[in-house]
Amino acid sequence: MDNAKVDAALYLLTGFLQKLKVENPGLIKDMQSAVEERKIIYLLMSRAMRV
């Protein structure tokens, strides 16, 4: 990447997520599930508001 700040932030975030994955193996999967649930809720709400 061309931006040193973005590279540094990505490096730190990657290390943080890897550490979380080791210390709490199910956390990342739980976070992904929560995001998917929120996407579904958002889609349903946006469709309901159109009606």
N, C-alpha and C. Protein backbone atom coordinates (compact mmCIF):
# COMPACT_ATOMS: atom_id res chain seq x y z
N MET A 1 0.84 -1.19 0.00
CA MET A 1 0.00 0.00 0.00
C MET A 1 0.88 1.25 0.00
N ASP A 2 0.29 2.34 -0.37
CA ASP A 2 1.05 3.58 -0.47
C ASP A 2 0.98 4.42 0.79
N ASN A 3 0.08 4.14 1.69
CA ASN A 3 -0.12 4.97 2.86
C ASN A 3 0.45 4.29 4.10
N ALA A 4 1.50 4.86 4.68
CA ALA A 4 2.18 4.25 5.83
C ALA A 4 1.25 4.12 7.04
N LYS A 5 0.37 5.09 7.24
CA LYS A 5 -0.56 5.03 8.37
C LYS A 5 -1.55 3.89 8.21
N VAL A 6 -2.04 3.71 7.00
CA VAL A 6 -2.97 2.61 6.73
C VAL A 6 -2.26 1.27 6.91
N ASP A 7 -1.04 1.17 6.41
CA ASP A 7 -0.26 -0.05 6.56
C ASP A 7 -0.04 -0.38 8.03
N ALA A 8 0.31 0.62 8.83
CA ALA A 8 0.56 0.40 10.25
C ALA A 8 -0.72 -0.02 10.97
N ALA A 9 -1.82 0.63 10.65
CA ALA A 9 -3.10 0.29 11.28
C ALA A 9 -3.52 -1.14 10.90
N LEU A 10 -3.34 -1.51 9.65
CA LEU A 10 -3.68 -2.86 9.19
C LEU A 10 -2.81 -3.89 9.90
N TYR A 11 -1.53 -3.59 10.04
CA TYR A 11 -0.61 -4.49 10.73
C TYR A 11 -1.04 -4.70 12.19
N LEU A 12 -1.35 -3.61 12.88
CA LEU A 12 -1.77 -3.70 14.29
C LEU A 12 -3.10 -4.43 14.43
N LEU A 13 -4.04 -4.11 13.56
CA LEU A 13 -5.36 -4.75 13.61
C LEU A 13 -5.25 -6.25 13.33
N THR A 14 -4.41 -6.62 12.37
CA THR A 14 -4.21 -8.04 12.05
C THR A 14 -3.62 -8.78 13.25
N GLY A 15 -2.61 -8.18 13.87
CA GLY A 15 -2.01 -8.80 15.05
C GLY A 15 -3.00 -8.93 16.19
N PHE A 16 -3.80 -7.90 16.39
CA PHE A 16 -4.82 -7.93 17.44
C PHE A 16 -5.84 -9.04 17.19
N LEU A 17 -6.33 -9.15 15.96
CA LEU A 17 -7.31 -10.19 15.63
C LEU A 17 -6.71 -11.59 15.76
N GLN A 18 -5.44 -11.76 15.37
CA GLN A 18 -4.79 -13.05 15.51
C GLN A 18 -4.66 -13.44 16.98
N LYS A 19 -4.33 -12.47 17.84
CA LYS A 19 -4.22 -12.74 19.27
C LYS A 19 -5.59 -13.11 19.85
N LEU A 20 -6.63 -12.38 19.45
CA LEU A 20 -7.98 -12.70 19.92
C LEU A 20 -8.38 -14.11 19.49
N LYS A 21 -8.04 -14.47 18.26
CA LYS A 21 -8.40 -15.79 17.74
C LYS A 21 -7.75 -16.90 18.56
N VAL A 22 -6.52 -16.68 19.00
CA VAL A 22 -5.82 -17.68 19.80
C VAL A 22 -6.41 -17.75 21.22
N GLU A 23 -6.66 -16.59 21.81
CA GLU A 23 -7.15 -16.54 23.19
C GLU A 23 -8.62 -16.91 23.32
N ASN A 24 -9.41 -16.63 22.29
CA ASN A 24 -10.84 -16.91 22.33
C ASN A 24 -11.26 -17.41 20.96
N PRO A 25 -11.06 -18.71 20.70
CA PRO A 25 -11.23 -19.25 19.35
C PRO A 25 -12.59 -18.98 18.69
N GLY A 26 -13.67 -18.91 19.43
CA GLY A 26 -14.98 -18.72 18.83
C GLY A 26 -15.37 -17.27 18.61
N LEU A 27 -14.56 -16.35 19.08
CA LEU A 27 -14.94 -14.93 19.05
C LEU A 27 -15.12 -14.40 17.63
N ILE A 28 -14.18 -14.67 16.75
CA ILE A 28 -14.24 -14.15 15.38
C ILE A 28 -15.48 -14.69 14.68
N LYS A 29 -15.75 -15.98 14.83
CA LYS A 29 -16.93 -16.58 14.20
C LYS A 29 -18.21 -15.95 14.77
N ASP A 30 -18.24 -15.72 16.08
CA ASP A 30 -19.40 -15.06 16.70
C ASP A 30 -19.60 -13.66 16.15
N MET A 31 -18.49 -12.94 15.95
CA MET A 31 -18.57 -11.58 15.42
C MET A 31 -19.10 -11.61 13.98
N GLN A 32 -18.64 -12.57 13.19
CA GLN A 32 -19.11 -12.70 11.81
C GLN A 32 -20.61 -13.00 11.78
N SER A 33 -21.05 -13.87 12.67
CA SER A 33 -22.48 -14.22 12.74
C SER A 33 -23.31 -13.00 13.11
N ALA A 34 -22.82 -12.22 14.05
CA ALA A 34 -23.55 -11.02 14.48
C ALA A 34 -23.68 -10.03 13.33
N VAL A 35 -22.61 -9.87 12.54
CA VAL A 35 -22.65 -8.96 11.39
C VAL A 35 -23.67 -9.46 10.37
N GLU A 36 -23.68 -10.76 10.10
CA GLU A 36 -24.64 -11.31 9.14
C GLU A 36 -26.08 -11.11 9.64
N GLU A 37 -26.31 -11.32 10.93
CA GLU A 37 -27.65 -11.11 11.49
C GLU A 37 -28.09 -9.66 11.33
N ARG A 38 -27.17 -8.74 11.59
CA ARG A 38 -27.50 -7.32 11.45
C ARG A 38 -27.79 -6.95 10.00
N LYS A 39 -27.07 -7.56 9.07
CA LYS A 39 -27.34 -7.30 7.64
C LYS A 39 -28.76 -7.73 7.29
N ILE A 40 -29.15 -8.91 7.77
CA ILE A 40 -30.49 -9.42 7.48
C ILE A 40 -31.55 -8.50 8.08
N ILE A 41 -31.34 -8.10 9.33
CA ILE A 41 -32.29 -7.20 9.99
C ILE A 41 -32.39 -5.88 9.23
N TYR A 42 -31.26 -5.33 8.82
CA TYR A 42 -31.26 -4.07 8.07
C TYR A 42 -32.03 -4.22 6.75
N LEU A 43 -31.79 -5.32 6.04
CA LEU A 43 -32.50 -5.54 4.77
C LEU A 43 -34.00 -5.65 5.00
N LEU A 44 -34.40 -6.40 6.02
CA LEU A 44 -35.82 -6.55 6.30
C LEU A 44 -36.46 -5.22 6.69
N MET A 45 -35.76 -4.45 7.50
CA MET A 45 -36.30 -3.15 7.91
C MET A 45 -36.41 -2.19 6.73
N SER A 46 -35.40 -2.19 5.87
CA SER A 46 -35.44 -1.28 4.72
C SER A 46 -36.56 -1.67 3.76
N ARG A 47 -36.81 -2.96 3.60
CA ARG A 47 -37.92 -3.41 2.75
C ARG A 47 -39.26 -3.05 3.36
N ALA A 48 -39.37 -3.19 4.68
CA ALA A 48 -40.63 -2.88 5.37
C ALA A 48 -40.96 -1.39 5.27
N MET A 49 -39.95 -0.55 5.25
CA MET A 49 -40.19 0.90 5.17
C MET A 49 -40.64 1.31 3.78
N ARG A 50 -40.34 0.51 2.77
CA ARG A 50 -40.76 0.81 1.41
C ARG A 50 -42.24 0.53 1.19
N VAL A 51 -42.79 -0.35 2.00
CA VAL A 51 -44.18 -0.77 1.81
C VAL A 51 -45.13 0.27 2.34
